[in-house]
Amino acid sequence: MKYIIMADGKGTRWQNYNDIPKHFIEIDGETLLARTVRLLRQGDPGCEVIITSHDPRYEVEGARRYEPKNNHLEIDRFTEELIEDDICFLYGDTFYSEEASKTIIDTEAEDILFFGNRRSIVAVKVADGSLFKKHVDRVRQLYLDGKIEKCIGWQVYQSFMGLPFDEKRIESKYVVLKDGTEDFNSPEDFDRRTKKKWE
């Protein structure tokens, strides 16, 4: 299995809070990126881990950094040239619990499988790369044509499931993680989370 940690976003909502990119938030002395790489290596020792980023600071032991060819829209985080069968996209700004990491690694996808909570998608496991690419491309085009307002992971899930784009609804092909796994988009996300006890 190949794991792709998406970390090439622009961080506009984070705004360099605490003078660091959000991927470098430290929990118990370990950055979010290093934690994700460690958990993947722990759960799937023979795997390949790629971090997508144009920033040389994003070199992490146990992974290799890749600079995406295209990064204009938010949906471009699903680096098109890396889409193939048997890959898993994870978000670089997410704190993954050990349980969530194990669930993501151990759960097999028949075609495409999404993982997250009711607020955010935190991983997408892809068994059929051409099918995933078809829905990513469809969502991108709908957004460019002005037919949908956003083009992120939720819209890919909605396209794949044939769901309406105007509401967040979870049906099948979605594994709900009921633990401490959470993404950080803004300083408010981080401040709220640090008030709780880390795993």
Protein backbone atom coordinates (compact mmCIF):
# COMPACT_ATOMS: atom_id res chain seq x y z
CA MET A 1 0.00 0.00 0.00
CA LYS A 2 1.14 3.52 -0.81
CA TYR A 3 0.14 6.29 1.60
CA ILE A 4 0.09 9.90 0.44
CA ILE A 5 0.04 12.55 3.17
CA MET A 6 -1.36 15.75 1.67
CA ALA A 7 0.55 18.74 3.05
CA ASP A 8 0.73 21.21 0.16
CA GLY A 9 -2.20 23.42 1.16
CA LYS A 10 -1.88 27.18 1.43
CA GLY A 11 -2.84 27.36 5.13
CA THR A 12 -4.95 30.49 4.65
CA ARG A 13 -7.19 29.75 7.65
CA TRP A 14 -4.19 28.86 9.84
CA GLN A 15 -2.33 32.11 9.02
CA ASN A 16 1.01 30.90 10.39
CA TYR A 17 -0.40 30.73 13.92
CA ASN A 18 2.37 30.34 16.54
CA ASP A 19 4.86 30.99 13.68
CA ILE A 20 4.59 27.45 12.32
CA PRO A 21 2.71 25.69 9.52
CA LYS A 22 -0.17 23.67 10.99
CA HIS A 23 1.50 20.40 9.94
CA PHE A 24 4.25 21.17 12.48
CA ILE A 25 1.90 21.36 15.48
CA GLU A 26 3.58 19.29 18.20
CA ILE A 27 1.78 16.83 20.41
CA ASP A 28 4.00 15.38 23.14
CA GLY A 29 7.08 16.59 21.27
CA GLU A 30 6.09 15.03 17.93
CA THR A 31 4.76 16.94 14.92
CA LEU A 32 1.50 15.90 13.27
CA LEU A 33 3.45 14.86 10.15
CA ALA A 34 6.00 12.78 12.05
CA ARG A 35 3.21 11.15 14.08
CA THR A 36 1.28 10.14 10.95
CA VAL A 37 4.40 8.70 9.31
CA ARG A 38 5.26 6.78 12.49
CA LEU A 39 1.76 5.32 12.84
CA LEU A 40 1.71 4.24 9.18
CA ARG A 41 5.12 2.58 9.47
CA GLN A 42 4.06 0.90 12.71
CA GLY A 43 0.85 -0.49 11.24
CA ASP A 44 2.15 -1.33 7.75
CA PRO A 45 5.95 -1.76 7.95
CA GLY A 46 6.48 -2.44 4.23
CA CYS A 47 4.49 0.54 3.00
CA GLU A 48 5.63 3.54 0.98
CA VAL A 49 4.86 6.96 2.48
CA ILE A 50 4.86 10.14 0.39
CA ILE A 51 4.39 13.69 1.71
CA THR A 52 3.18 16.12 -0.94
CA SER A 53 4.72 19.55 -0.37
CA HIS A 54 6.79 22.17 -2.18
CA ASP A 55 8.39 23.14 1.15
CA PRO A 56 11.81 21.52 1.82
CA ARG A 57 11.09 21.64 5.58
CA TYR A 58 8.57 18.84 5.04
CA GLU A 59 11.23 16.14 4.78
CA VAL A 60 10.31 13.55 7.43
CA GLU A 61 12.23 10.40 8.25
CA GLY A 62 10.40 7.34 6.93
CA ALA A 63 8.76 9.24 4.07
CA ARG A 64 9.78 10.94 0.86
CA ARG A 65 8.64 14.40 -0.20
CA TYR A 66 6.99 14.93 -3.58
CA GLU A 67 6.28 18.29 -5.20
CA PRO A 68 2.87 18.18 -6.97
CA LYS A 69 2.74 19.42 -10.58
CA ASN A 70 -0.56 21.22 -10.04
CA ASN A 71 -1.89 22.92 -6.91
CA HIS A 72 -4.42 25.62 -7.79
CA LEU A 73 -7.68 24.40 -6.27
CA GLU A 74 -8.25 22.72 -2.91
CA ILE A 75 -9.16 19.47 -4.67
CA ASP A 76 -5.70 19.41 -6.26
CA ARG A 77 -4.41 18.08 -2.91
CA PHE A 78 -5.43 14.71 -4.36
CA THR A 79 -2.30 14.88 -6.49
CA GLU A 80 -3.54 13.73 -9.89
CA GLU A 81 -0.30 12.22 -11.13
CA LEU A 82 -0.08 10.04 -7.98
CA ILE A 83 -3.59 8.58 -8.30
CA GLU A 84 -3.41 4.85 -8.99
CA ASP A 85 -4.79 1.62 -7.57
CA ASP A 86 -4.07 0.71 -3.93
CA ILE A 87 -3.26 4.10 -2.47
CA CYS A 88 -4.52 5.97 0.56
CA PHE A 89 -4.69 9.75 0.90
CA LEU A 90 -4.34 11.19 4.41
CA TYR A 91 -4.46 14.80 5.53
CA GLY A 92 -1.22 16.29 6.85
CA ASP A 93 -3.03 18.61 9.28
CA THR A 94 -4.76 15.77 11.14
CA PHE A 95 -4.07 14.23 14.53
CA TYR A 96 -4.74 10.50 14.00
CA SER A 97 -5.39 8.36 17.05
CA GLU A 98 -3.64 4.99 17.11
CA GLU A 99 -7.03 3.31 16.79
CA ALA A 100 -7.98 5.40 13.76
CA SER A 101 -4.64 4.72 12.10
CA LYS A 102 -5.11 0.98 12.62
CA THR A 103 -8.67 1.15 11.24
CA ILE A 104 -7.51 3.02 8.14
CA ILE A 105 -4.63 0.60 7.53
CA ASP A 106 -6.58 -2.61 8.22
CA THR A 107 -9.90 -1.82 6.49
CA GLU A 108 -9.95 -2.92 2.87
CA ALA A 109 -11.65 -0.84 0.19
CA GLU A 110 -13.56 -2.52 -2.64
CA ASP A 111 -13.32 0.62 -4.78
CA ILE A 112 -13.17 3.85 -2.73
CA LEU A 113 -13.59 4.16 1.03
CA PHE A 114 -13.76 7.39 3.03
CA PHE A 115 -12.84 7.79 6.72
CA GLY A 116 -13.71 10.64 9.05
CA ASN A 117 -16.14 12.09 11.51
CA ARG A 118 -19.38 13.93 10.81
CA ARG A 119 -17.46 17.17 10.29
CA SER A 120 -14.38 16.17 8.28
CA ILE A 121 -12.99 13.51 5.98
CA VAL A 122 -9.52 12.52 7.22
CA ALA A 123 -8.54 9.73 4.81
CA VAL A 124 -9.57 8.23 1.47
CA LYS A 125 -8.54 4.67 0.61
CA VAL A 126 -8.52 3.99 -3.13
CA ALA A 127 -8.57 0.49 -4.61
CA ASP A 128 -9.72 1.69 -8.06
CA GLY A 129 -7.60 4.66 -9.12
CA SER A 130 -9.43 5.33 -12.39
CA LEU A 131 -12.79 5.50 -10.60
CA PHE A 132 -11.42 7.90 -7.99
CA LYS A 133 -9.83 10.08 -10.67
CA LYS A 134 -13.14 10.18 -12.56
CA HIS A 135 -14.94 11.65 -9.53
CA VAL A 136 -12.11 14.06 -8.64
CA ASP A 137 -12.15 15.35 -12.25
CA ARG A 138 -15.96 15.60 -12.24
CA VAL A 139 -15.98 17.64 -9.03
CA ARG A 140 -13.22 19.93 -10.32
CA GLN A 141 -15.16 20.60 -13.54
CA LEU A 142 -18.47 21.20 -11.73
CA TYR A 143 -16.69 23.74 -9.53
CA LEU A 144 -15.00 25.47 -12.47
CA ASP A 145 -18.39 25.62 -14.25
CA GLY A 146 -19.90 27.33 -11.19
CA LYS A 147 -22.30 24.47 -10.48
CA ILE A 148 -21.01 23.71 -6.98
CA GLU A 149 -19.56 26.05 -4.35
CA LYS A 150 -16.69 23.89 -3.03
CA CYS A 151 -14.43 21.19 -4.39
CA ILE A 152 -12.94 19.21 -1.52
CA GLY A 153 -13.15 15.66 -0.21
CA TRP A 154 -16.83 15.94 0.70
CA GLN A 155 -17.78 16.73 -2.90
CA VAL A 156 -15.81 13.71 -4.13
CA TYR A 157 -17.73 11.53 -1.65
CA GLN A 158 -21.03 13.07 -2.77
CA SER A 159 -20.17 12.54 -6.44
CA PHE A 160 -19.09 8.94 -5.83
CA MET A 161 -22.25 8.15 -3.84
CA GLY A 162 -24.64 10.05 -6.11
CA LEU A 163 -25.64 12.33 -3.23
CA PRO A 164 -26.80 15.95 -3.50
CA PHE A 165 -24.02 18.52 -3.21
CA ASP A 166 -25.99 20.90 -1.00
CA GLU A 167 -25.93 18.85 2.23
CA LYS A 168 -23.46 16.76 4.22
CA ARG A 169 -24.94 13.29 4.42
CA ILE A 170 -23.12 10.11 5.32
CA GLU A 171 -24.26 6.85 3.80
CA SER A 172 -22.23 3.75 2.91
CA LYS A 173 -18.54 3.70 1.88
CA TYR A 174 -17.77 5.92 4.88
CA VAL A 175 -16.13 4.73 8.09
CA VAL A 176 -17.01 7.00 11.01
CA LEU A 177 -14.09 7.33 13.43
CA LYS A 178 -15.44 7.88 16.92
CA ASP A 179 -12.27 8.83 18.72
CA GLY A 180 -9.85 11.73 19.11
CA THR A 181 -8.92 11.93 15.43
CA GLU A 182 -9.36 15.53 14.30
CA ASP A 183 -8.06 17.93 11.66
CA PHE A 184 -6.74 21.45 12.26
CA ASN A 185 -7.81 24.09 9.78
CA SER A 186 -7.69 27.15 12.01
CA PRO A 187 -6.17 28.38 15.27
CA GLU A 188 -9.63 27.94 16.83
CA ASP A 189 -9.53 24.21 15.99
CA PHE A 190 -6.17 23.90 17.73
CA ASP A 191 -7.13 25.96 20.78
CA ARG A 192 -10.37 24.02 21.21
CA ARG A 193 -8.57 20.69 20.92
CA THR A 194 -5.77 21.56 23.32
CA LYS A 195 -8.37 22.14 26.01
CA LYS A 196 -9.20 18.44 25.77
CA LYS A 197 -6.88 15.66 26.84
CA TRP A 198 -4.73 14.25 24.04
CA GLU A 199 -4.81 10.50 23.53
